Amino acid sequence: MWRYHRGLRRVFYLAALSAIKRPDSPSRTFYLRKRSEGKRHTQALIALARRLVDVIWALLRDHRQFHPSPPITAAAVA
């Protein structure tokens, strides 16, 4: 039994790879943070791909549109 869809994994891996090329993107910041934590390039890229999946899933679940800035929460207002 497969644990993941190889085609989708490749799509998100390539999306993560292209996302880290932009110097001012939140994805690159996340990638560089993972690298500074001691992860290898591939490990950091897979972590970013997983984060992209999580963001897309949350957007679909909550019926929201993507905005690069984080949403305002009650903790941020107080």
Protein backbone atom coordinates (compact mmCIF):
# COMPACT_ATOMS: atom_id res chain seq x y z
CA MET A 1 0.00 0.00 0.00
CA TRP A 2 1.31 3.43 -0.96
CA ARG A 3 1.65 6.12 1.68
CA TYR A 4 1.63 9.00 -0.78
CA HIS A 5 0.92 9.85 -4.39
CA ARG A 6 4.24 10.08 -6.21
CA GLY A 7 2.95 12.54 -8.79
CA LEU A 8 1.60 14.93 -6.16
CA ARG A 9 4.77 14.64 -4.12
CA ARG A 10 6.78 15.65 -7.16
CA VAL A 11 4.45 18.59 -7.88
CA PHE A 12 4.85 19.98 -4.36
CA TYR A 13 8.59 19.30 -4.35
CA LEU A 14 9.00 21.28 -7.56
CA ALA A 15 6.71 24.03 -6.23
CA ALA A 16 8.90 24.27 -3.12
CA LEU A 17 12.03 24.31 -5.27
CA SER A 18 10.76 27.21 -7.35
CA ALA A 19 9.43 29.04 -4.26
CA ILE A 20 12.87 29.25 -2.63
CA LYS A 21 14.30 31.06 -5.66
CA ARG A 22 12.47 34.29 -4.80
CA PRO A 23 14.67 36.20 -2.36
CA ASP A 24 11.84 37.90 -0.45
CA SER A 25 9.36 35.04 -0.14
CA PRO A 26 8.10 33.52 3.13
CA SER A 27 8.89 30.11 1.63
CA ARG A 28 12.57 31.01 1.31
CA THR A 29 12.59 32.28 4.90
CA PHE A 30 11.10 28.97 6.07
CA TYR A 31 13.63 27.02 3.97
CA LEU A 32 16.58 29.00 5.34
CA ARG A 33 15.32 28.52 8.90
CA LYS A 34 15.20 24.75 8.36
CA ARG A 35 18.72 24.86 6.92
CA SER A 36 19.95 26.77 9.96
CA GLU A 37 18.38 24.08 12.16
CA GLY A 38 20.81 21.61 10.57
CA LYS A 39 18.58 20.03 7.93
CA ARG A 40 20.06 19.12 4.58
CA HIS A 41 18.82 20.77 1.39
CA THR A 42 16.49 17.91 0.48
CA GLN A 43 15.10 17.63 4.00
CA ALA A 44 14.40 21.36 4.18
CA LEU A 45 12.78 21.27 0.74
CA ILE A 46 10.52 18.37 1.72
CA ALA A 47 9.57 20.22 4.92
CA LEU A 48 8.64 23.24 2.80
CA ALA A 49 6.63 21.06 0.43
CA ARG A 50 4.75 19.62 3.39
CA ARG A 51 4.07 23.12 4.67
CA LEU A 52 2.67 24.09 1.26
CA VAL A 53 0.33 21.10 1.44
CA ASP A 54 -0.76 22.15 4.94
CA VAL A 55 -1.45 25.73 3.80
CA ILE A 56 -3.47 24.59 0.80
CA TRP A 57 -5.44 22.16 2.93
CA ALA A 58 -6.24 24.88 5.50
CA LEU A 59 -7.38 27.24 2.75
CA LEU A 60 -9.69 24.60 1.29
CA ARG A 61 -11.01 23.57 4.70
CA ASP A 62 -11.75 27.13 5.81
CA HIS A 63 -12.99 28.35 2.40
CA ARG A 64 -10.46 31.21 2.42
CA GLN A 65 -8.29 32.90 -0.16
CA PHE A 66 -4.53 33.02 0.17
CA HIS A 67 -2.91 36.23 1.45
CA PRO A 68 0.85 36.36 2.01
CA SER A 69 0.46 38.05 5.39
CA PRO A 70 -0.66 35.88 8.33
CA PRO A 71 -4.29 36.27 9.45
CA ILE A 72 -5.06 38.57 12.37
CA THR A 73 -5.88 36.55 15.47
CA ALA A 74 -7.22 37.51 18.89
CA ALA A 75 -3.73 37.05 20.36
CA ALA A 76 -2.25 39.51 17.85
CA VAL A 77 -4.87 42.16 18.62
CA ALA A 78 -4.53 42.01 22.43
